[in-house]
N, C-alpha and C. Protein backbone atom coordinates (compact mmCIF):
# COMPACT_ATOMS: atom_id res chain seq x y z
N UNK A 1 205.07 21.15 -201.42
CA UNK A 1 205.10 21.26 -199.96
C UNK A 1 206.54 21.21 -199.46
N UNK A 2 206.83 22.01 -198.44
CA UNK A 2 208.09 21.91 -197.73
C UNK A 2 207.88 20.97 -196.56
N UNK A 3 208.56 19.84 -196.57
CA UNK A 3 208.34 18.81 -195.55
C UNK A 3 209.10 19.13 -194.27
N UNK A 4 208.47 18.85 -193.14
CA UNK A 4 209.11 19.05 -191.85
C UNK A 4 210.04 17.89 -191.50
N UNK A 5 209.75 16.70 -191.99
CA UNK A 5 210.57 15.51 -191.71
C UNK A 5 210.35 14.47 -192.79
N UNK A 6 211.36 13.63 -192.99
CA UNK A 6 211.29 12.55 -193.97
C UNK A 6 211.41 11.23 -193.21
N UNK A 7 210.44 10.35 -193.40
CA UNK A 7 210.38 9.09 -192.66
C UNK A 7 210.55 7.93 -193.64
N UNK A 8 211.60 7.13 -193.41
CA UNK A 8 211.94 6.04 -194.32
C UNK A 8 211.57 4.68 -193.72
N UNK A 9 210.97 3.84 -194.53
CA UNK A 9 210.91 2.41 -194.23
C UNK A 9 212.34 1.88 -194.32
N UNK A 10 212.57 0.64 -193.87
CA UNK A 10 213.92 0.08 -193.91
C UNK A 10 214.07 -0.97 -195.01
N UNK A 11 213.42 -2.11 -194.85
CA UNK A 11 213.58 -3.22 -195.78
C UNK A 11 213.01 -2.88 -197.15
N UNK A 12 213.86 -2.98 -198.17
CA UNK A 12 213.45 -2.66 -199.52
C UNK A 12 213.56 -1.20 -199.88
N UNK A 13 213.84 -0.35 -198.88
CA UNK A 13 214.00 1.09 -199.11
C UNK A 13 215.43 1.52 -198.82
N UNK A 14 215.94 1.12 -197.67
CA UNK A 14 217.33 1.44 -197.30
C UNK A 14 218.26 0.26 -197.58
N UNK A 15 217.76 -0.95 -197.35
CA UNK A 15 218.58 -2.16 -197.52
C UNK A 15 217.87 -3.18 -198.40
N UNK A 16 218.65 -3.92 -199.15
CA UNK A 16 218.12 -4.94 -200.08
C UNK A 16 218.03 -6.27 -199.34
N UNK A 17 217.04 -6.38 -198.49
CA UNK A 17 216.97 -7.51 -197.55
C UNK A 17 215.84 -8.47 -197.80
N UNK A 18 214.83 -8.07 -198.57
CA UNK A 18 213.61 -8.88 -198.64
C UNK A 18 213.86 -10.29 -199.16
N UNK A 19 214.68 -10.43 -200.18
CA UNK A 19 214.92 -11.76 -200.75
C UNK A 19 215.69 -12.65 -199.78
N UNK A 20 216.52 -12.04 -198.93
CA UNK A 20 217.28 -12.81 -197.94
C UNK A 20 216.36 -13.31 -196.85
N UNK A 21 215.61 -12.40 -196.24
CA UNK A 21 214.70 -12.76 -195.16
C UNK A 21 213.66 -13.76 -195.63
N UNK A 22 213.08 -13.52 -196.79
CA UNK A 22 212.04 -14.42 -197.27
C UNK A 22 212.60 -15.74 -197.76
N UNK A 23 213.87 -15.77 -198.15
CA UNK A 23 214.50 -17.04 -198.49
C UNK A 23 214.62 -17.95 -197.28
N UNK A 24 215.03 -17.37 -196.15
CA UNK A 24 215.11 -18.14 -194.91
C UNK A 24 213.72 -18.58 -194.48
N UNK A 25 212.76 -17.68 -194.54
CA UNK A 25 211.41 -17.99 -194.12
C UNK A 25 210.81 -19.10 -194.98
N UNK A 26 210.99 -19.00 -196.28
CA UNK A 26 210.45 -20.03 -197.16
C UNK A 26 211.05 -21.41 -196.85
N UNK A 27 212.38 -21.45 -196.63
CA UNK A 27 213.04 -22.72 -196.30
C UNK A 27 212.45 -23.31 -195.02
N UNK A 28 212.27 -22.47 -194.01
CA UNK A 28 211.76 -22.98 -192.74
C UNK A 28 210.29 -23.39 -192.83
N UNK A 29 209.50 -22.67 -193.64
CA UNK A 29 208.11 -23.08 -193.83
C UNK A 29 208.02 -24.39 -194.59
N UNK A 30 208.91 -24.55 -195.58
CA UNK A 30 208.98 -25.83 -196.29
C UNK A 30 209.32 -26.96 -195.34
N UNK A 31 210.30 -26.72 -194.48
CA UNK A 31 210.71 -27.73 -193.49
C UNK A 31 209.56 -28.08 -192.56
N UNK A 32 208.69 -27.09 -192.29
CA UNK A 32 207.57 -27.31 -191.37
C UNK A 32 206.36 -27.94 -192.05
N UNK A 33 206.42 -28.05 -193.40
CA UNK A 33 205.33 -28.73 -194.10
C UNK A 33 204.50 -27.87 -195.03
N UNK A 34 204.82 -26.58 -195.15
CA UNK A 34 204.09 -25.71 -196.07
C UNK A 34 204.91 -25.60 -197.35
N UNK A 35 204.44 -26.16 -198.45
CA UNK A 35 205.17 -26.18 -199.71
C UNK A 35 204.98 -24.87 -200.47
N UNK A 36 205.31 -23.77 -199.83
CA UNK A 36 205.18 -22.46 -200.44
C UNK A 36 206.39 -22.20 -201.33
N UNK A 37 206.17 -21.60 -202.50
CA UNK A 37 207.27 -21.30 -203.41
C UNK A 37 207.92 -19.97 -203.03
N UNK A 38 209.08 -19.71 -203.65
CA UNK A 38 209.77 -18.44 -203.39
C UNK A 38 208.89 -17.25 -203.75
N UNK A 39 208.30 -17.30 -204.94
CA UNK A 39 207.48 -16.17 -205.39
C UNK A 39 206.25 -15.99 -204.51
N UNK A 40 205.63 -17.09 -204.10
CA UNK A 40 204.48 -17.01 -203.21
C UNK A 40 204.85 -16.42 -201.86
N UNK A 41 206.00 -16.81 -201.36
CA UNK A 41 206.47 -16.30 -200.06
C UNK A 41 206.75 -14.81 -200.14
N UNK A 42 207.40 -14.37 -201.21
CA UNK A 42 207.68 -12.95 -201.39
C UNK A 42 206.38 -12.16 -201.48
N UNK A 43 205.44 -12.66 -202.28
CA UNK A 43 204.19 -11.95 -202.49
C UNK A 43 203.37 -11.83 -201.21
N UNK A 44 203.38 -12.88 -200.40
CA UNK A 44 202.53 -12.89 -199.20
C UNK A 44 203.17 -12.16 -198.02
N UNK A 45 204.48 -12.33 -197.84
CA UNK A 45 205.11 -11.87 -196.60
C UNK A 45 205.80 -10.51 -196.69
N UNK A 46 206.13 -10.01 -197.87
CA UNK A 46 206.79 -8.70 -197.93
C UNK A 46 205.85 -7.64 -197.36
N UNK A 47 206.35 -6.91 -196.39
CA UNK A 47 205.56 -5.90 -195.72
C UNK A 47 204.75 -6.41 -194.56
N UNK A 48 204.78 -7.72 -194.34
CA UNK A 48 203.97 -8.36 -193.30
C UNK A 48 204.88 -9.04 -192.29
N UNK A 49 204.59 -8.95 -191.01
CA UNK A 49 205.39 -9.66 -190.02
C UNK A 49 205.00 -11.13 -189.98
N UNK A 50 205.93 -11.99 -189.58
CA UNK A 50 205.64 -13.41 -189.48
C UNK A 50 204.55 -13.64 -188.45
N UNK A 51 204.64 -12.97 -187.31
CA UNK A 51 203.66 -13.15 -186.24
C UNK A 51 202.25 -12.80 -186.70
N UNK A 52 202.13 -11.80 -187.59
CA UNK A 52 200.80 -11.41 -188.04
C UNK A 52 200.16 -12.48 -188.92
N UNK A 53 200.98 -13.42 -189.41
CA UNK A 53 200.48 -14.50 -190.26
C UNK A 53 200.38 -15.82 -189.50
N UNK A 54 200.32 -15.74 -188.17
CA UNK A 54 200.30 -16.95 -187.34
C UNK A 54 199.20 -17.92 -187.76
N UNK A 55 197.98 -17.43 -187.92
CA UNK A 55 196.86 -18.32 -188.25
C UNK A 55 197.09 -19.03 -189.58
N UNK A 56 197.58 -18.29 -190.57
CA UNK A 56 197.83 -18.89 -191.89
C UNK A 56 198.95 -19.93 -191.81
N UNK A 57 200.02 -19.61 -191.12
CA UNK A 57 201.14 -20.54 -191.00
C UNK A 57 200.70 -21.82 -190.29
N UNK A 58 199.97 -21.67 -189.20
CA UNK A 58 199.51 -22.85 -188.45
C UNK A 58 198.54 -23.70 -189.28
N UNK A 59 197.71 -23.04 -190.09
CA UNK A 59 196.78 -23.78 -190.94
C UNK A 59 197.51 -24.56 -192.03
N UNK A 60 198.56 -23.95 -192.59
CA UNK A 60 199.29 -24.58 -193.70
C UNK A 60 200.24 -25.68 -193.22
N UNK A 61 200.81 -25.51 -192.03
CA UNK A 61 201.78 -26.49 -191.52
C UNK A 61 201.15 -27.52 -190.60
N UNK A 62 200.00 -27.19 -190.02
CA UNK A 62 199.38 -28.08 -189.05
C UNK A 62 200.11 -28.12 -187.73
N UNK A 63 200.94 -27.10 -187.49
CA UNK A 63 201.74 -27.05 -186.26
C UNK A 63 201.63 -25.67 -185.65
N UNK A 64 201.75 -25.56 -184.32
CA UNK A 64 201.72 -24.24 -183.69
C UNK A 64 202.97 -23.44 -184.02
N UNK A 65 202.80 -22.12 -184.12
CA UNK A 65 203.94 -21.23 -184.33
C UNK A 65 204.50 -20.89 -182.95
N UNK A 66 205.55 -21.57 -182.56
CA UNK A 66 206.07 -21.46 -181.20
C UNK A 66 207.13 -20.38 -181.08
N UNK A 67 207.41 -19.98 -179.85
CA UNK A 67 208.49 -19.03 -179.60
C UNK A 67 209.82 -19.62 -180.02
N UNK A 68 209.97 -20.92 -179.86
CA UNK A 68 211.22 -21.59 -180.24
C UNK A 68 211.42 -21.52 -181.76
N UNK A 69 210.34 -21.72 -182.52
CA UNK A 69 210.44 -21.64 -183.98
C UNK A 69 210.80 -20.23 -184.40
N UNK A 70 210.18 -19.24 -183.78
CA UNK A 70 210.48 -17.86 -184.10
C UNK A 70 211.93 -17.51 -183.75
N UNK A 71 212.42 -18.00 -182.63
CA UNK A 71 213.80 -17.74 -182.24
C UNK A 71 214.77 -18.33 -183.26
N UNK A 72 214.44 -19.54 -183.75
CA UNK A 72 215.28 -20.16 -184.76
C UNK A 72 215.24 -19.36 -186.06
N UNK A 73 214.05 -18.87 -186.42
CA UNK A 73 213.93 -18.04 -187.62
C UNK A 73 214.77 -16.78 -187.50
N UNK A 74 214.66 -16.09 -186.38
CA UNK A 74 215.44 -14.87 -186.19
C UNK A 74 216.94 -15.15 -186.28
N UNK A 75 217.38 -16.24 -185.66
CA UNK A 75 218.81 -16.56 -185.66
C UNK A 75 219.30 -16.86 -187.08
N UNK A 76 218.55 -17.67 -187.82
CA UNK A 76 218.95 -18.02 -189.19
C UNK A 76 218.86 -16.80 -190.12
N UNK A 77 217.82 -16.02 -189.93
CA UNK A 77 217.67 -14.79 -190.72
C UNK A 77 218.83 -13.83 -190.48
N UNK A 78 219.16 -13.60 -189.21
CA UNK A 78 220.22 -12.65 -188.88
C UNK A 78 221.56 -13.09 -189.42
N UNK A 79 221.82 -14.40 -189.38
CA UNK A 79 223.09 -14.92 -189.90
C UNK A 79 223.20 -14.68 -191.40
N UNK A 80 222.11 -14.89 -192.12
CA UNK A 80 222.12 -14.67 -193.57
C UNK A 80 222.24 -13.19 -193.91
N UNK A 81 221.54 -12.34 -193.16
CA UNK A 81 221.65 -10.90 -193.39
C UNK A 81 223.06 -10.41 -193.12
N UNK A 82 223.66 -10.90 -192.06
CA UNK A 82 225.02 -10.48 -191.72
C UNK A 82 226.00 -10.84 -192.82
N UNK A 83 225.74 -11.94 -193.52
CA UNK A 83 226.67 -12.41 -194.54
C UNK A 83 226.40 -11.77 -195.91
N UNK A 84 225.13 -11.51 -196.23
CA UNK A 84 224.81 -11.16 -197.61
C UNK A 84 224.18 -9.78 -197.82
N UNK A 85 223.80 -9.07 -196.77
CA UNK A 85 223.06 -7.82 -196.93
C UNK A 85 223.87 -6.74 -197.65
N UNK A 86 223.21 -6.02 -198.55
CA UNK A 86 223.79 -4.84 -199.18
C UNK A 86 222.76 -3.71 -199.13
N UNK A 87 223.23 -2.49 -199.35
CA UNK A 87 222.34 -1.33 -199.37
C UNK A 87 221.62 -1.24 -200.71
N UNK A 88 220.48 -0.56 -200.70
CA UNK A 88 219.78 -0.24 -201.94
C UNK A 88 220.67 0.68 -202.78
N UNK A 89 220.68 0.46 -204.08
CA UNK A 89 221.51 1.25 -204.98
C UNK A 89 221.19 2.74 -204.86
N UNK A 90 222.22 3.56 -204.79
CA UNK A 90 222.15 5.03 -204.71
C UNK A 90 221.65 5.55 -203.36
N UNK A 91 221.46 4.69 -202.37
CA UNK A 91 220.84 5.17 -201.13
C UNK A 91 221.79 6.04 -200.31
N UNK A 92 223.09 5.77 -200.33
CA UNK A 92 224.00 6.55 -199.49
C UNK A 92 224.04 8.04 -199.87
N UNK A 93 224.27 8.40 -201.13
CA UNK A 93 224.24 9.83 -201.45
C UNK A 93 222.86 10.45 -201.27
N UNK A 94 221.83 9.66 -201.47
CA UNK A 94 220.47 10.16 -201.28
C UNK A 94 220.21 10.50 -199.82
N UNK A 95 220.56 9.59 -198.91
CA UNK A 95 220.34 9.84 -197.48
C UNK A 95 221.21 11.00 -197.01
N UNK A 96 222.44 11.06 -197.47
CA UNK A 96 223.32 12.16 -197.08
C UNK A 96 222.71 13.51 -197.48
N UNK A 97 222.18 13.57 -198.69
CA UNK A 97 221.60 14.83 -199.17
C UNK A 97 220.32 15.19 -198.42
N UNK A 98 219.44 14.21 -198.23
CA UNK A 98 218.17 14.46 -197.53
C UNK A 98 218.43 14.84 -196.08
N UNK A 99 219.35 14.13 -195.44
CA UNK A 99 219.71 14.40 -194.04
C UNK A 99 220.23 15.84 -193.90
N UNK A 100 221.11 16.25 -194.80
CA UNK A 100 221.68 17.59 -194.72
C UNK A 100 220.63 18.66 -194.99
N UNK A 101 219.80 18.43 -195.99
CA UNK A 101 218.79 19.41 -196.38
C UNK A 101 217.79 19.66 -195.26
N UNK A 102 217.45 18.61 -194.52
CA UNK A 102 216.43 18.70 -193.47
C UNK A 102 217.03 18.82 -192.06
N UNK A 103 218.31 19.10 -191.99
CA UNK A 103 218.93 19.32 -190.69
C UNK A 103 218.84 18.12 -189.76
N UNK A 104 218.92 16.93 -190.34
CA UNK A 104 218.87 15.71 -189.54
C UNK A 104 217.48 15.25 -189.17
N UNK A 105 216.45 15.93 -189.66
CA UNK A 105 215.07 15.56 -189.31
C UNK A 105 214.57 14.44 -190.22
N UNK A 106 215.22 13.29 -190.10
CA UNK A 106 214.80 12.09 -190.80
C UNK A 106 214.74 10.96 -189.78
N UNK A 107 213.97 9.92 -190.10
CA UNK A 107 213.84 8.78 -189.20
C UNK A 107 213.64 7.51 -190.02
N UNK A 108 213.89 6.39 -189.38
CA UNK A 108 213.60 5.08 -189.96
C UNK A 108 212.43 4.49 -189.18
N UNK A 109 211.34 4.22 -189.87
CA UNK A 109 210.14 3.67 -189.24
C UNK A 109 209.79 2.36 -189.93
N UNK A 110 210.13 1.26 -189.29
CA UNK A 110 210.05 -0.06 -189.90
C UNK A 110 209.04 -0.95 -189.19
N UNK A 111 208.47 -1.89 -189.93
CA UNK A 111 207.62 -2.89 -189.31
C UNK A 111 208.41 -4.00 -188.65
N UNK A 112 209.72 -4.04 -188.89
CA UNK A 112 210.56 -5.12 -188.37
C UNK A 112 210.96 -4.89 -186.92
N UNK A 113 211.53 -5.92 -186.31
CA UNK A 113 212.01 -5.80 -184.93
C UNK A 113 213.24 -4.90 -184.89
N UNK A 114 213.41 -4.23 -183.76
CA UNK A 114 214.48 -3.25 -183.62
C UNK A 114 215.87 -3.85 -183.86
N UNK A 115 216.13 -5.05 -183.35
CA UNK A 115 217.45 -5.65 -183.53
C UNK A 115 217.79 -5.75 -185.01
N UNK A 116 216.83 -6.22 -185.80
CA UNK A 116 217.07 -6.38 -187.23
C UNK A 116 217.34 -5.03 -187.89
N UNK A 117 216.52 -4.03 -187.59
CA UNK A 117 216.68 -2.72 -188.21
C UNK A 117 218.05 -2.14 -187.88
N UNK A 118 218.41 -2.16 -186.61
CA UNK A 118 219.69 -1.56 -186.20
C UNK A 118 220.87 -2.34 -186.77
N UNK A 119 220.78 -3.67 -186.77
CA UNK A 119 221.85 -4.48 -187.33
C UNK A 119 222.06 -4.14 -188.80
N UNK A 120 220.97 -4.00 -189.53
CA UNK A 120 221.06 -3.73 -190.96
C UNK A 120 221.64 -2.35 -191.24
N UNK A 121 221.21 -1.36 -190.49
CA UNK A 121 221.73 0.00 -190.71
C UNK A 121 223.22 0.08 -190.40
N UNK A 122 223.65 -0.62 -189.36
CA UNK A 122 225.08 -0.67 -189.04
C UNK A 122 225.84 -1.37 -190.17
N UNK A 123 225.28 -2.49 -190.64
CA UNK A 123 225.93 -3.31 -191.65
C UNK A 123 226.23 -2.52 -192.93
N UNK A 124 225.28 -1.66 -193.34
CA UNK A 124 225.47 -0.95 -194.62
C UNK A 124 225.98 0.49 -194.42
N UNK A 125 226.28 0.87 -193.18
CA UNK A 125 226.89 2.17 -192.93
C UNK A 125 225.93 3.34 -192.88
N UNK A 126 224.64 3.07 -192.63
CA UNK A 126 223.65 4.15 -192.56
C UNK A 126 223.27 4.55 -191.14
N UNK A 127 223.76 3.83 -190.14
CA UNK A 127 223.36 4.13 -188.77
C UNK A 127 223.65 5.58 -188.34
N UNK A 128 224.77 6.19 -188.74
CA UNK A 128 225.01 7.57 -188.30
C UNK A 128 223.90 8.55 -188.67
N UNK A 129 223.18 8.27 -189.73
CA UNK A 129 222.11 9.18 -190.16
C UNK A 129 220.81 8.97 -189.38
N UNK A 130 220.66 7.79 -188.75
CA UNK A 130 219.38 7.44 -188.13
C UNK A 130 219.47 7.15 -186.62
N UNK A 131 220.65 7.11 -186.07
CA UNK A 131 220.80 6.74 -184.66
C UNK A 131 219.96 7.66 -183.77
N UNK A 132 219.17 7.04 -182.89
CA UNK A 132 218.29 7.78 -182.01
C UNK A 132 216.95 8.13 -182.63
N UNK A 133 216.78 7.78 -183.90
CA UNK A 133 215.53 8.07 -184.61
C UNK A 133 215.08 6.85 -185.39
N UNK A 134 215.07 5.70 -184.68
CA UNK A 134 214.65 4.42 -185.26
C UNK A 134 213.41 3.96 -184.51
N UNK A 135 212.38 3.57 -185.28
CA UNK A 135 211.10 3.19 -184.70
C UNK A 135 210.67 1.84 -185.28
N UNK A 136 210.26 0.94 -184.40
CA UNK A 136 209.90 -0.42 -184.78
C UNK A 136 208.40 -0.66 -184.61
N UNK A 137 207.80 -1.31 -185.59
CA UNK A 137 206.40 -1.68 -185.49
C UNK A 137 206.12 -2.65 -184.37
N UNK A 138 207.18 -3.31 -183.86
CA UNK A 138 207.01 -4.23 -182.73
C UNK A 138 206.82 -3.47 -181.42
N UNK A 139 207.06 -2.16 -181.43
CA UNK A 139 207.06 -1.38 -180.19
C UNK A 139 205.90 -0.38 -180.11
N UNK A 140 204.94 -0.51 -181.02
CA UNK A 140 203.74 0.33 -181.01
C UNK A 140 202.52 -0.59 -180.94
N UNK A 141 201.36 -0.07 -180.58
CA UNK A 141 200.19 -0.93 -180.42
C UNK A 141 199.84 -1.76 -181.66
N UNK A 142 199.97 -1.15 -182.83
CA UNK A 142 199.61 -1.85 -184.07
C UNK A 142 200.68 -1.56 -185.12
N UNK A 143 201.18 -2.62 -185.76
CA UNK A 143 202.19 -2.43 -186.79
C UNK A 143 201.53 -2.12 -188.13
N UNK A 144 202.33 -1.88 -189.14
CA UNK A 144 201.79 -1.60 -190.47
C UNK A 144 200.87 -2.75 -190.92
N UNK A 145 199.76 -2.46 -191.57
CA UNK A 145 199.37 -1.23 -192.26
C UNK A 145 198.75 -0.14 -191.39
N UNK A 146 198.68 -0.34 -190.08
CA UNK A 146 198.25 0.74 -189.20
C UNK A 146 199.31 1.85 -189.22
N UNK A 147 198.94 3.09 -188.93
CA UNK A 147 199.89 4.21 -189.04
C UNK A 147 200.76 4.42 -187.82
N UNK A 148 200.62 3.59 -186.78
CA UNK A 148 201.22 3.87 -185.47
C UNK A 148 202.71 4.19 -185.52
N UNK A 149 203.49 3.41 -186.27
CA UNK A 149 204.94 3.59 -186.25
C UNK A 149 205.32 4.92 -186.91
N UNK A 150 204.58 5.33 -187.93
CA UNK A 150 204.85 6.62 -188.56
C UNK A 150 204.40 7.78 -187.68
N UNK A 151 203.30 7.61 -186.99
CA UNK A 151 202.86 8.65 -186.05
C UNK A 151 203.86 8.80 -184.91
N UNK A 152 204.41 7.68 -184.44
CA UNK A 152 205.41 7.73 -183.37
C UNK A 152 206.67 8.45 -183.83
N UNK A 153 207.10 8.17 -185.06
CA UNK A 153 208.30 8.83 -185.59
C UNK A 153 208.07 10.33 -185.76
N UNK A 154 206.92 10.71 -186.28
CA UNK A 154 206.62 12.13 -186.46
C UNK A 154 206.57 12.85 -185.12
N UNK A 155 205.95 12.22 -184.13
CA UNK A 155 205.84 12.83 -182.81
C UNK A 155 207.22 13.04 -182.19
N UNK A 156 208.10 12.05 -182.34
CA UNK A 156 209.44 12.15 -181.76
C UNK A 156 210.23 13.29 -182.40
N UNK A 157 209.96 13.55 -183.68
CA UNK A 157 210.65 14.63 -184.39
C UNK A 157 209.89 15.95 -184.25
N UNK A 158 208.80 15.93 -183.48
CA UNK A 158 207.95 17.12 -183.28
C UNK A 158 207.51 17.69 -184.63
N UNK A 159 207.12 16.79 -185.51
CA UNK A 159 206.68 17.16 -186.86
C UNK A 159 205.20 16.82 -187.02
N UNK A 160 204.48 17.64 -187.72
CA UNK A 160 203.09 17.37 -188.06
C UNK A 160 203.07 16.24 -189.09
N UNK A 161 202.39 15.12 -188.82
CA UNK A 161 202.36 14.03 -189.81
C UNK A 161 201.89 14.49 -191.18
N UNK A 162 201.02 15.49 -191.22
CA UNK A 162 200.51 15.99 -192.49
C UNK A 162 201.58 16.72 -193.29
N UNK A 163 202.69 17.06 -192.63
CA UNK A 163 203.79 17.75 -193.30
C UNK A 163 205.05 16.86 -193.33
N UNK A 164 204.83 15.56 -193.25
CA UNK A 164 205.92 14.58 -193.37
C UNK A 164 205.84 13.87 -194.71
N UNK A 165 206.99 13.46 -195.20
CA UNK A 165 207.05 12.56 -196.35
C UNK A 165 207.45 11.19 -195.85
N UNK A 166 206.81 10.17 -196.39
CA UNK A 166 207.13 8.78 -196.08
C UNK A 166 207.65 8.13 -197.35
N UNK A 167 208.72 7.34 -197.21
CA UNK A 167 209.29 6.60 -198.35
C UNK A 167 209.09 5.12 -198.10
N UNK A 168 208.34 4.47 -198.96
CA UNK A 168 207.95 3.08 -198.80
C UNK A 168 208.14 2.30 -200.10
N UNK A 169 207.97 0.97 -200.01
CA UNK A 169 208.09 0.16 -201.21
C UNK A 169 207.02 -0.92 -201.31
N UNK A 170 206.11 -1.02 -200.34
CA UNK A 170 205.06 -2.04 -200.38
C UNK A 170 203.70 -1.38 -200.20
N UNK A 171 202.67 -2.07 -200.65
CA UNK A 171 201.32 -1.53 -200.48
C UNK A 171 200.96 -1.46 -199.00
N UNK A 172 201.42 -2.40 -198.20
CA UNK A 172 201.15 -2.38 -196.76
C UNK A 172 201.78 -1.15 -196.13
N UNK A 173 203.02 -0.87 -196.48
CA UNK A 173 203.71 0.30 -195.95
C UNK A 173 203.12 1.60 -196.45
N UNK A 174 202.76 1.65 -197.73
CA UNK A 174 202.13 2.84 -198.29
C UNK A 174 200.82 3.12 -197.57
N UNK A 175 200.05 2.07 -197.31
CA UNK A 175 198.79 2.22 -196.59
C UNK A 175 199.03 2.84 -195.22
N UNK A 176 200.09 2.40 -194.54
CA UNK A 176 200.42 2.93 -193.21
C UNK A 176 200.78 4.41 -193.29
N UNK A 177 201.62 4.77 -194.24
CA UNK A 177 202.02 6.16 -194.38
C UNK A 177 200.85 7.06 -194.73
N UNK A 178 200.01 6.61 -195.64
CA UNK A 178 198.84 7.39 -196.03
C UNK A 178 197.87 7.54 -194.87
N UNK A 179 197.71 6.48 -194.08
CA UNK A 179 196.81 6.53 -192.92
C UNK A 179 197.32 7.51 -191.87
N UNK A 180 198.63 7.72 -191.83
CA UNK A 180 199.21 8.70 -190.90
C UNK A 180 198.99 10.13 -191.39
N UNK A 181 198.56 10.28 -192.63
CA UNK A 181 198.34 11.60 -193.20
C UNK A 181 199.52 12.15 -193.96
N UNK A 182 200.59 11.36 -194.08
CA UNK A 182 201.81 11.82 -194.75
C UNK A 182 201.66 11.75 -196.27
N UNK A 183 202.56 12.42 -196.95
CA UNK A 183 202.69 12.30 -198.40
C UNK A 183 203.63 11.13 -198.67
N UNK A 184 203.17 10.13 -199.39
CA UNK A 184 203.94 8.89 -199.55
C UNK A 184 204.58 8.82 -200.92
N UNK A 185 205.89 8.56 -200.91
CA UNK A 185 206.67 8.33 -202.12
C UNK A 185 207.01 6.85 -202.17
N UNK A 186 206.60 6.17 -203.24
CA UNK A 186 206.76 4.72 -203.33
C UNK A 186 207.89 4.35 -204.27
N UNK A 187 208.83 3.57 -203.76
CA UNK A 187 209.98 3.10 -204.54
C UNK A 187 209.60 1.79 -205.22
N UNK A 188 209.64 1.78 -206.54
CA UNK A 188 209.24 0.62 -207.35
C UNK A 188 210.31 0.36 -208.40
N UNK A 189 211.44 -0.23 -207.97
CA UNK A 189 212.60 -0.31 -208.88
C UNK A 189 212.35 -1.10 -210.15
N UNK A 190 211.46 -2.08 -210.10
CA UNK A 190 211.19 -2.89 -211.29
C UNK A 190 210.07 -2.32 -212.14
N UNK A 191 209.41 -1.29 -211.65
CA UNK A 191 208.36 -0.65 -212.42
C UNK A 191 207.14 -1.52 -212.66
N UNK A 192 206.84 -2.40 -211.71
CA UNK A 192 205.72 -3.32 -211.92
C UNK A 192 204.56 -3.10 -210.96
N UNK A 193 204.74 -2.23 -209.96
CA UNK A 193 203.70 -2.12 -208.93
C UNK A 193 203.02 -0.78 -208.84
N UNK A 194 203.20 0.09 -209.86
CA UNK A 194 202.72 1.46 -209.73
C UNK A 194 201.22 1.54 -209.47
N UNK A 195 200.44 0.77 -210.18
CA UNK A 195 198.99 0.85 -210.02
C UNK A 195 198.57 0.50 -208.59
N UNK A 196 199.13 -0.58 -208.05
CA UNK A 196 198.76 -1.00 -206.70
C UNK A 196 199.27 -0.02 -205.66
N UNK A 197 200.47 0.52 -205.86
CA UNK A 197 201.04 1.48 -204.90
C UNK A 197 200.23 2.78 -204.88
N UNK A 198 199.82 3.24 -206.04
CA UNK A 198 198.99 4.45 -206.10
C UNK A 198 197.62 4.19 -205.48
N UNK A 199 197.07 3.01 -205.73
CA UNK A 199 195.77 2.67 -205.14
C UNK A 199 195.84 2.63 -203.62
N UNK A 200 197.02 2.26 -203.09
CA UNK A 200 197.20 2.20 -201.64
C UNK A 200 197.40 3.57 -201.02
N UNK A 201 197.68 4.58 -201.87
CA UNK A 201 197.81 5.94 -201.34
C UNK A 201 199.09 6.67 -201.69
N UNK A 202 199.93 6.09 -202.54
CA UNK A 202 201.18 6.76 -202.91
C UNK A 202 200.89 7.97 -203.80
N UNK A 203 201.54 9.09 -203.49
CA UNK A 203 201.41 10.29 -204.30
C UNK A 203 202.36 10.28 -205.49
N UNK A 204 203.54 9.68 -205.28
CA UNK A 204 204.55 9.58 -206.32
C UNK A 204 205.11 8.17 -206.31
N UNK A 205 205.39 7.64 -207.49
CA UNK A 205 206.06 6.34 -207.63
C UNK A 205 207.33 6.58 -208.44
N UNK A 206 208.45 6.10 -207.94
CA UNK A 206 209.73 6.34 -208.62
C UNK A 206 210.54 5.05 -208.66
N UNK A 207 211.52 4.99 -209.57
CA UNK A 207 212.23 3.74 -209.83
C UNK A 207 213.66 3.71 -209.35
N UNK A 208 214.25 4.88 -209.08
CA UNK A 208 215.65 4.93 -208.63
C UNK A 208 215.77 5.85 -207.45
N UNK A 209 216.56 5.44 -206.45
CA UNK A 209 216.78 6.30 -205.28
C UNK A 209 217.51 7.59 -205.67
N UNK A 210 218.18 7.59 -206.81
CA UNK A 210 218.83 8.81 -207.26
C UNK A 210 217.81 9.91 -207.58
N UNK A 211 216.55 9.53 -207.85
CA UNK A 211 215.50 10.49 -208.15
C UNK A 211 214.92 11.14 -206.90
N UNK A 212 215.06 10.49 -205.76
CA UNK A 212 214.30 10.89 -204.58
C UNK A 212 214.59 12.29 -204.06
N UNK A 213 215.85 12.72 -203.93
CA UNK A 213 216.08 14.08 -203.38
C UNK A 213 215.32 15.15 -204.15
N UNK A 214 215.34 15.09 -205.46
CA UNK A 214 214.62 16.10 -206.24
C UNK A 214 213.11 16.02 -206.01
N UNK A 215 212.58 14.81 -205.88
CA UNK A 215 211.15 14.65 -205.62
C UNK A 215 210.77 15.27 -204.28
N UNK A 216 211.70 15.19 -203.31
CA UNK A 216 211.45 15.73 -201.99
C UNK A 216 211.76 17.22 -201.89
N UNK A 217 212.26 17.80 -202.97
CA UNK A 217 212.62 19.22 -202.97
C UNK A 217 213.94 19.52 -202.31
N UNK A 218 214.83 18.52 -202.26
CA UNK A 218 216.14 18.71 -201.63
C UNK A 218 217.16 19.24 -202.65
């Protein structure tokens, strides 16, 4: 297929942020009384917003998830990202090639809040490729695994979702892309999630961003 647009997730696809964000989250959940381990936190929260887990967090900590707690989480998370964030390996030449091949018809469609997405893209030098084409799951009726954010990105690019490619790294994100009708390419750098990613709807699973342009026909 010749794709009309390429839609990228952000965390874990463009930037290596998941371990940073979840490290802060795990510390704060521990402080609040939930003795969740690092691996448990990564497994449960990657691809999921903190707000979407309100009931679970409140049950585990015995405390309400307040706006003040969330504000503290965002502040601590952003400080750590600003200090430690790096780009996914090989992503810069990959984005440059895909952007050029598709005449700029690419977008970033993330489940994260807009401030975080934009801050991260600026931090790693990818903002020039995505400026004006950034979509947040916080700004649509339903975030991932619902398809809303990908449908919004496709509509803004005047592209048929059925002729879009989505690049994701989690089963929640893959589910969202597949539900939008897109062809989903799943990034699995450790090679441990292929079965689950394909079951969620991924058409292709790949291990290095250097492989992606050829998979997309660029």
